[in-house]
Amino acid sequence: MTDIKVIIPAYNEANSIAKVIEEIPAIVSEIIVVNNNSSDDTAINATRAGATVLNETRKGYGYACLRGMDYIAKKSRKPNIIVFIDGDYSDYPEELNKIVKPILEENVDMVIGARTKALREDGSMTPQQIFGNKLATFLMKLFFGSTFTDLGPFRAIKYEKLLELEMEDKTYGWTIEMQLKVLKNKMSYVEIPVHYKKRIGVSKVSGTVKGSIFAGVKILGWIFKYSLK
């Protein structure tokens, strides 16, 4: 039987986290919410909704994801697939079934939920997000011949392949690091178009000038780092 676990990094997502948890399909064996130093009731609401809640006081998307992975690594039974999804309710959790389908049926290593324009709610992605995605995926195509069109956070990957990537980014570069390492390690991947809506609350990255700049620097840094190898 396939064991699927979900990791949700969450910082001040008290108003949305329960909605995300409640709409994740029953095929998932465990939902792990990593409370990333929230100052609201994120942890309480996630616990009430039935998730396993971990605390990571070092703020950063990558720190939260790594904390979730560390928890899983210490379990006696390891999962087959790890799914990452944000806690802001911008994704449609019920689409997890189609995110994992290529892994289950076609033995693909990683699947990215691509936030295609046709399926995006107007205003769900900021202009800087759209520009950043286009630039990053253009550079990945230019340097590595990739077919990625998005850096979408809703993604699934075989657990054994995730370990092989030796993920290290602690903050905004987590998603691009994973995709670059998949390319460098010649792992198989596909994109599946997913619906995307306006998040609940304000984005901690694209919703601020500081966050947008730091994310852009991180993304470009990872791309050029790998292009020089």
C-alpha atoms as a PDB file:
ATOM      1  CA  MET A   1       0.000   0.000   0.000  1.00  0.00           C
ATOM      2  CA  THR A   2       1.315   3.415  -0.959  1.00  0.00           C
ATOM      3  CA  ASP A   3       2.044   5.703   1.987  1.00  0.00           C
ATOM      4  CA  ILE A   4       1.634   9.418   1.254  1.00  0.00           C
ATOM      5  CA  LYS A   5       2.475  12.155   3.742  1.00  0.00           C
ATOM      6  CA  VAL A   6       1.867  15.885   3.385  1.00  0.00           C
ATOM      7  CA  ILE A   7       4.119  18.645   4.723  1.00  0.00           C
ATOM      8  CA  ILE A   8       2.583  22.106   5.171  1.00  0.00           C
ATOM      9  CA  PRO A   9       4.903  24.962   6.190  1.00  0.00           C
ATOM     10  CA  ALA A  10       2.761  27.503   8.020  1.00  0.00           C
ATOM     11  CA  TYR A  11       3.438  30.964   9.387  1.00  0.00           C
ATOM     12  CA  ASN A  12       0.424  32.854  10.775  1.00  0.00           C
ATOM     13  CA  GLU A  13      -2.152  30.871   8.803  1.00  0.00           C
ATOM     14  CA  ALA A  14      -4.732  30.534  11.591  1.00  0.00           C
ATOM     15  CA  ASN A  15      -7.608  31.560   9.320  1.00  0.00           C
ATOM     16  CA  SER A  16      -6.817  29.100   6.548  1.00  0.00           C
ATOM     17  CA  ILE A  17      -4.910  26.091   7.878  1.00  0.00           C
ATOM     18  CA  ALA A  18      -7.970  24.083   8.978  1.00  0.00           C
ATOM     19  CA  LYS A  19      -9.579  24.524   5.551  1.00  0.00           C
ATOM     20  CA  VAL A  20      -6.455  23.159   3.877  1.00  0.00           C
ATOM     21  CA  ILE A  21      -6.251  20.155   6.211  1.00  0.00           C
ATOM     22  CA  GLU A  22      -9.949  19.303   5.932  1.00  0.00           C
ATOM     23  CA  GLU A  23      -9.873  19.212   2.118  1.00  0.00           C
ATOM     24  CA  ILE A  24      -6.815  16.962   1.737  1.00  0.00           C
ATOM     25  CA  PRO A  25      -7.955  13.579   0.343  1.00  0.00           C
ATOM     26  CA  ALA A  26      -8.176  10.537   2.605  1.00  0.00           C
ATOM     27  CA  ILE A  27      -5.443   8.696   0.668  1.00  0.00           C
ATOM     28  CA  VAL A  28      -2.928  10.671   2.767  1.00  0.00           C
ATOM     29  CA  SER A  29      -1.700   8.819   5.854  1.00  0.00           C
ATOM     30  CA  GLU A  30      -0.473  11.864   7.781  1.00  0.00           C
ATOM     31  CA  ILE A  31      -0.690  15.638   7.455  1.00  0.00           C
ATOM     32  CA  ILE A  32       2.279  17.402   9.028  1.00  0.00           C
ATOM     33  CA  VAL A  33       1.934  21.111   9.720  1.00  0.00           C
ATOM     34  CA  VAL A  34       5.179  22.848  10.604  1.00  0.00           C
ATOM     35  CA  ASN A  35       4.327  25.888  12.686  1.00  0.00           C
ATOM     36  CA  ASN A  36       7.051  28.333  11.680  1.00  0.00           C
ATOM     37  CA  ASN A  37       7.128  30.628  14.721  1.00  0.00           C
ATOM     38  CA  SER A  38       3.554  31.843  14.248  1.00  0.00           C
ATOM     39  CA  SER A  39       2.153  34.483  16.588  1.00  0.00           C
ATOM     40  CA  ASP A  40      -1.460  33.437  16.031  1.00  0.00           C
ATOM     41  CA  ASP A  41      -3.487  30.234  16.535  1.00  0.00           C
ATOM     42  CA  THR A  42      -2.040  28.349  13.565  1.00  0.00           C
ATOM     43  CA  ALA A  43      -0.807  25.461  15.728  1.00  0.00           C
ATOM     44  CA  ILE A  44      -4.019  25.195  17.746  1.00  0.00           C
ATOM     45  CA  ASN A  45      -6.256  25.221  14.674  1.00  0.00           C
ATOM     46  CA  ALA A  46      -4.072  22.692  12.852  1.00  0.00           C
ATOM     47  CA  THR A  47      -4.162  20.330  15.827  1.00  0.00           C
ATOM     48  CA  ARG A  48      -7.934  20.622  16.097  1.00  0.00           C
ATOM     49  CA  ALA A  49      -8.226  19.814  12.387  1.00  0.00           C
ATOM     50  CA  GLY A  50      -6.339  16.562  12.928  1.00  0.00           C
ATOM     51  CA  ALA A  51      -2.823  17.348  11.766  1.00  0.00           C
ATOM     52  CA  THR A  52       0.464  16.446  13.386  1.00  0.00           C
ATOM     53  CA  VAL A  53       1.936  19.795  14.437  1.00  0.00           C
ATOM     54  CA  LEU A  54       5.657  20.437  14.697  1.00  0.00           C
ATOM     55  CA  ASN A  55       7.321  23.674  15.769  1.00  0.00           C
ATOM     56  CA  GLU A  56      10.227  25.324  13.960  1.00  0.00           C
ATOM     57  CA  THR A  57      11.273  28.605  15.562  1.00  0.00           C
ATOM     58  CA  ARG A  58      13.773  29.534  12.833  1.00  0.00           C
ATOM     59  CA  LYS A  59      11.711  31.493  10.351  1.00  0.00           C
ATOM     60  CA  GLY A  60      12.007  30.410   6.752  1.00  0.00           C
ATOM     61  CA  TYR A  61      10.104  28.250   4.280  1.00  0.00           C
ATOM     62  CA  GLY A  62      13.056  25.919   3.859  1.00  0.00           C
ATOM     63  CA  TYR A  63      13.588  25.603   7.597  1.00  0.00           C
ATOM     64  CA  ALA A  64       9.957  24.506   7.969  1.00  0.00           C
ATOM     65  CA  CYS A  65      10.174  21.944   5.154  1.00  0.00           C
ATOM     66  CA  LEU A  66      13.421  20.535   6.534  1.00  0.00           C
ATOM     67  CA  ARG A  67      11.837  20.221   9.976  1.00  0.00           C
ATOM     68  CA  GLY A  68       9.042  18.148   8.464  1.00  0.00           C
ATOM     69  CA  MET A  69      11.546  15.950   6.648  1.00  0.00           C
ATOM     70  CA  ASP A  70      13.562  15.432   9.830  1.00  0.00           C
ATOM     71  CA  TYR A  71      10.428  14.254  11.627  1.00  0.00           C
ATOM     72  CA  ILE A  72       9.680  11.748   8.868  1.00  0.00           C
ATOM     73  CA  ALA A  73      13.284  10.497   8.796  1.00  0.00           C
ATOM     74  CA  LYS A  74      12.965   9.454  12.438  1.00  0.00           C
ATOM     75  CA  LYS A  75       9.845   7.363  11.840  1.00  0.00           C
ATOM     76  CA  SER A  76      10.321   3.600  11.598  1.00  0.00           C
ATOM     77  CA  ARG A  77       8.069   3.376   8.550  1.00  0.00           C
ATOM     78  CA  LYS A  78       9.005   5.664   5.684  1.00  0.00           C
ATOM     79  CA  PRO A  79       6.466   7.003   3.174  1.00  0.00           C
ATOM     80  CA  ASN A  80       6.559   6.427  -0.563  1.00  0.00           C
ATOM     81  CA  ILE A  81       5.544   9.963  -1.528  1.00  0.00           C
ATOM     82  CA  ILE A  82       5.852  13.399   0.055  1.00  0.00           C
ATOM     83  CA  VAL A  83       3.482  16.175  -0.961  1.00  0.00           C
ATOM     84  CA  PHE A  84       4.200  19.824  -0.194  1.00  0.00           C
ATOM     85  CA  ILE A  85       1.362  22.349  -0.122  1.00  0.00           C
ATOM     86  CA  ASP A  86       1.080  25.854   1.317  1.00  0.00           C
ATOM     87  CA  GLY A  87      -1.133  26.613   4.288  1.00  0.00           C
ATOM     88  CA  ASP A  88      -2.777  29.733   2.848  1.00  0.00           C
ATOM     89  CA  TYR A  89      -5.600  27.950   0.970  1.00  0.00           C
ATOM     90  CA  SER A  90      -4.514  29.305  -2.411  1.00  0.00           C
ATOM     91  CA  ASP A  91      -4.218  25.778  -3.794  1.00  0.00           C
ATOM     92  CA  TYR A  92      -7.087  23.309  -4.024  1.00  0.00           C
ATOM     93  CA  PRO A  93      -6.095  20.484  -1.647  1.00  0.00           C
ATOM     94  CA  GLU A  94      -8.507  18.045  -3.292  1.00  0.00           C
ATOM     95  CA  GLU A  95      -6.329  18.206  -6.417  1.00  0.00           C
ATOM     96  CA  LEU A  96      -3.686  16.219  -4.537  1.00  0.00           C
ATOM     97  CA  ASN A  97      -5.084  13.113  -6.230  1.00  0.00           C
ATOM     98  CA  LYS A  98      -4.052  14.322  -9.667  1.00  0.00           C
ATOM     99  CA  ILE A  99      -0.702  15.603  -8.364  1.00  0.00           C
ATOM    100  CA  VAL A 100       0.328  12.136  -7.179  1.00  0.00           C
ATOM    101  CA  LYS A 101      -1.227  10.246 -10.113  1.00  0.00           C
ATOM    102  CA  PRO A 102       1.837  10.411 -12.427  1.00  0.00           C
ATOM    103  CA  ILE A 103       3.996   8.983  -9.629  1.00  0.00           C
ATOM    104  CA  LEU A 104       1.568   6.172  -8.882  1.00  0.00           C
ATOM    105  CA  GLU A 105       0.692   5.257 -12.469  1.00  0.00           C
ATOM    106  CA  GLU A 106       3.706   6.308 -14.548  1.00  0.00           C
ATOM    107  CA  ASN A 107       6.560   6.028 -12.026  1.00  0.00           C
ATOM    108  CA  VAL A 108       7.473   9.718 -12.446  1.00  0.00           C
ATOM    109  CA  ASP A 109       9.878  11.013  -9.770  1.00  0.00           C
ATOM    110  CA  MET A 110       8.428  14.491  -9.181  1.00  0.00           C
ATOM    111  CA  VAL A 111       5.254  16.361 -10.091  1.00  0.00           C
ATOM    112  CA  ILE A 112       4.786  20.138  -9.995  1.00  0.00           C
ATOM    113  CA  GLY A 113       1.329  21.673  -9.755  1.00  0.00           C
ATOM    114  CA  ALA A 114       1.544  24.346 -12.457  1.00  0.00           C
ATOM    115  CA  ARG A 115      -0.531  27.451 -11.827  1.00  0.00           C
ATOM    116  CA  THR A 116      -1.530  27.966 -15.451  1.00  0.00           C
ATOM    117  CA  LYS A 117      -3.173  31.236 -16.422  1.00  0.00           C
ATOM    118  CA  ALA A 118      -6.372  29.547 -17.587  1.00  0.00           C
ATOM    119  CA  LEU A 119      -6.916  28.003 -14.142  1.00  0.00           C
ATOM    120  CA  ARG A 120      -5.799  30.946 -12.000  1.00  0.00           C
ATOM    121  CA  GLU A 121      -8.234  33.276 -10.300  1.00  0.00           C
ATOM    122  CA  ASP A 122      -7.610  36.881 -11.326  1.00  0.00           C
ATOM    123  CA  GLY A 123      -5.277  38.530  -8.827  1.00  0.00           C
ATOM    124  CA  SER A 124      -4.235  35.262  -7.198  1.00  0.00           C
ATOM    125  CA  MET A 125      -0.623  35.813  -8.246  1.00  0.00           C
ATOM    126  CA  THR A 126       1.087  39.186  -7.953  1.00  0.00           C
ATOM    127  CA  PRO A 127       2.837  40.748 -10.966  1.00  0.00           C
ATOM    128  CA  GLN A 128       6.206  40.088  -9.307  1.00  0.00           C
ATOM    129  CA  GLN A 129       5.300  36.401  -8.850  1.00  0.00           C
ATOM    130  CA  ILE A 130       4.308  36.052 -12.498  1.00  0.00           C
ATOM    131  CA  PHE A 131       7.455  37.840 -13.675  1.00  0.00           C
ATOM    132  CA  GLY A 132       9.677  35.849 -11.331  1.00  0.00           C
ATOM    133  CA  ASN A 133       8.207  32.550 -12.521  1.00  0.00           C
ATOM    134  CA  LYS A 134       8.666  33.465 -16.163  1.00  0.00           C
ATOM    135  CA  LEU A 135      12.260  34.585 -15.632  1.00  0.00           C
ATOM    136  CA  ALA A 136      13.234  31.568 -13.541  1.00  0.00           C
ATOM    137  CA  THR A 137      11.678  29.013 -15.869  1.00  0.00           C
ATOM    138  CA  PHE A 138      13.162  30.778 -18.920  1.00  0.00           C
ATOM    139  CA  LEU A 139      16.628  30.585 -17.383  1.00  0.00           C
ATOM    140  CA  MET A 140      16.138  26.912 -16.460  1.00  0.00           C
ATOM    141  CA  LYS A 141      15.156  26.214 -20.049  1.00  0.00           C
ATOM    142  CA  LEU A 142      18.121  28.198 -21.355  1.00  0.00           C
ATOM    143  CA  PHE A 143      20.752  26.643 -19.085  1.00  0.00           C
ATOM    144  CA  PHE A 144      19.354  23.146 -18.508  1.00  0.00           C
ATOM    145  CA  GLY A 145      16.834  22.490 -21.279  1.00  0.00           C
ATOM    146  CA  SER A 146      14.007  22.102 -18.784  1.00  0.00           C
ATOM    147  CA  THR A 147      10.304  22.209 -19.572  1.00  0.00           C
ATOM    148  CA  PHE A 148       9.221  23.774 -16.269  1.00  0.00           C
ATOM    149  CA  THR A 149       6.733  26.637 -16.539  1.00  0.00           C
ATOM    150  CA  ASP A 150       6.193  27.302 -12.835  1.00  0.00           C
ATOM    151  CA  LEU A 151       7.796  27.156  -9.385  1.00  0.00           C
ATOM    152  CA  GLY A 152       4.490  26.128  -7.835  1.00  0.00           C
ATOM    153  CA  PRO A 153       4.719  25.067  -4.177  1.00  0.00           C
ATOM    154  CA  PHE A 154       2.040  22.363  -4.575  1.00  0.00           C
ATOM    155  CA  ARG A 155       4.191  19.393  -5.541  1.00  0.00           C
ATOM    156  CA  ALA A 156       4.774  15.690  -4.963  1.00  0.00           C
ATOM    157  CA  ILE A 157       7.986  13.704  -5.020  1.00  0.00           C
ATOM    158  CA  LYS A 158       9.042  10.146  -4.259  1.00  0.00           C
ATOM    159  CA  TYR A 159      10.483  10.101  -0.755  1.00  0.00           C
ATOM    160  CA  GLU A 160      13.653   8.275  -1.792  1.00  0.00           C
ATOM    161  CA  LYS A 161      14.265  10.826  -4.545  1.00  0.00           C
ATOM    162  CA  LEU A 162      13.718  13.720  -2.137  1.00  0.00           C
ATOM    163  CA  LEU A 163      16.448  12.320   0.101  1.00  0.00           C
ATOM    164  CA  GLU A 164      18.807  12.025  -2.867  1.00  0.00           C
ATOM    165  CA  LEU A 165      18.433  15.764  -3.530  1.00  0.00           C
ATOM    166  CA  GLU A 166      20.024  16.613  -0.149  1.00  0.00           C
ATOM    167  CA  MET A 167      17.923  19.750   0.194  1.00  0.00           C
ATOM    168  CA  GLU A 168      19.572  22.602   2.045  1.00  0.00           C
ATOM    169  CA  ASP A 169      17.956  25.977   1.337  1.00  0.00           C
ATOM    170  CA  LYS A 170      16.492  27.477   4.506  1.00  0.00           C
ATOM    171  CA  THR A 171      14.326  30.263   3.123  1.00  0.00           C
ATOM    172  CA  TYR A 172      12.926  31.407  -0.220  1.00  0.00           C
ATOM    173  CA  GLY A 173      15.002  29.191  -2.507  1.00  0.00           C
ATOM    174  CA  TRP A 174      13.477  25.857  -1.507  1.00  0.00           C
ATOM    175  CA  THR A 175      11.250  25.334  -4.556  1.00  0.00           C
ATOM    176  CA  ILE A 176      13.842  26.347  -7.155  1.00  0.00           C
ATOM    177  CA  GLU A 177      16.543  24.283  -5.412  1.00  0.00           C
ATOM    178  CA  MET A 178      14.384  21.176  -5.665  1.00  0.00           C
ATOM    179  CA  GLN A 179      13.661  21.695  -9.346  1.00  0.00           C
ATOM    180  CA  LEU A 180      17.284  22.437 -10.216  1.00  0.00           C
ATOM    181  CA  LYS A 181      18.513  19.364  -8.382  1.00  0.00           C
ATOM    182  CA  VAL A 182      15.914  17.209 -10.112  1.00  0.00           C
ATOM    183  CA  LEU A 183      17.307  18.483 -13.425  1.00  0.00           C
ATOM    184  CA  LYS A 184      20.945  17.973 -12.414  1.00  0.00           C
ATOM    185  CA  ASN A 185      20.226  14.461 -11.147  1.00  0.00           C
ATOM    186  CA  LYS A 186      18.310  13.638 -14.337  1.00  0.00           C
ATOM    187  CA  MET A 187      15.194  12.620 -12.455  1.00  0.00           C
ATOM    188  CA  SER A 188      11.890  12.400 -14.299  1.00  0.00           C
ATOM    189  CA  TYR A 189       9.285  15.111 -13.787  1.00  0.00           C
ATOM    190  CA  VAL A 190       6.025  16.423 -15.161  1.00  0.00           C
ATOM    191  CA  GLU A 191       3.790  19.420 -14.566  1.00  0.00           C
ATOM    192  CA  ILE A 192       0.083  19.046 -13.925  1.00  0.00           C
ATOM    193  CA  PRO A 193      -2.113  22.154 -14.361  1.00  0.00           C
ATOM    194  CA  VAL A 194      -3.845  23.076 -11.102  1.00  0.00           C
ATOM    195  CA  HIS A 195      -6.401  25.662 -10.067  1.00  0.00           C
ATOM    196  CA  TYR A 196      -5.181  28.570  -7.975  1.00  0.00           C
ATOM    197  CA  LYS A 197      -7.125  31.176  -6.020  1.00  0.00           C
ATOM    198  CA  LYS A 198      -6.473  34.250  -3.911  1.00  0.00           C
ATOM    199  CA  ARG A 199      -4.867  33.257  -0.651  1.00  0.00           C
ATOM    200  CA  ILE A 200      -6.371  33.965   2.759  1.00  0.00           C
ATOM    201  CA  GLY A 201      -4.336  36.759   4.363  1.00  0.00           C
ATOM    202  CA  VAL A 202      -1.269  38.552   3.039  1.00  0.00           C
ATOM    203  CA  SER A 203       1.660  36.717   1.496  1.00  0.00           C
ATOM    204  CA  LYS A 204       4.842  36.847   3.572  1.00  0.00           C
ATOM    205  CA  VAL A 205       6.930  36.744   0.394  1.00  0.00           C
ATOM    206  CA  SER A 206       5.245  38.320  -2.630  1.00  0.00           C
ATOM    207  CA  GLY A 207       3.075  40.540  -0.435  1.00  0.00           C
ATOM    208  CA  THR A 208       6.047  42.621   0.703  1.00  0.00           C
ATOM    209  CA  VAL A 209       8.792  44.466  -1.150  1.00  0.00           C
ATOM    210  CA  LYS A 210      11.457  42.923   1.088  1.00  0.00           C
ATOM    211  CA  GLY A 211      10.086  39.418   0.582  1.00  0.00           C
ATOM    212  CA  SER A 212       9.884  39.814  -3.191  1.00  0.00           C
ATOM    213  CA  ILE A 213      13.472  41.075  -3.429  1.00  0.00           C
ATOM    214  CA  PHE A 214      14.882  38.360  -1.178  1.00  0.00           C
ATOM    215  CA  ALA A 215      12.973  35.656  -3.048  1.00  0.00           C
ATOM    216  CA  GLY A 216      14.207  36.984  -6.388  1.00  0.00           C
ATOM    217  CA  VAL A 217      17.804  37.056  -5.220  1.00  0.00           C
ATOM    218  CA  LYS A 218      17.542  33.514  -3.858  1.00  0.00           C
ATOM    219  CA  ILE A 219      16.000  32.138  -7.036  1.00  0.00           C
ATOM    220  CA  LEU A 220      18.538  33.758  -9.345  1.00  0.00           C
ATOM    221  CA  GLY A 221      21.367  32.750  -7.008  1.00  0.00           C
ATOM    222  CA  TRP A 222      20.435  29.070  -7.198  1.00  0.00           C
ATOM    223  CA  ILE A 223      20.075  29.159 -10.983  1.00  0.00           C
ATOM    224  CA  PHE A 224      23.445  30.789 -11.594  1.00  0.00           C
ATOM    225  CA  LYS A 225      25.126  28.589  -8.985  1.00  0.00           C
ATOM    226  CA  TYR A 226      24.053  25.490 -10.888  1.00  0.00           C
ATOM    227  CA  SER A 227      24.691  26.950 -14.329  1.00  0.00           C
ATOM    228  CA  LEU A 228      28.354  27.360 -13.401  1.00  0.00           C
ATOM    229  CA  LYS A 229      28.806  23.756 -12.236  1.00  0.00           C
END
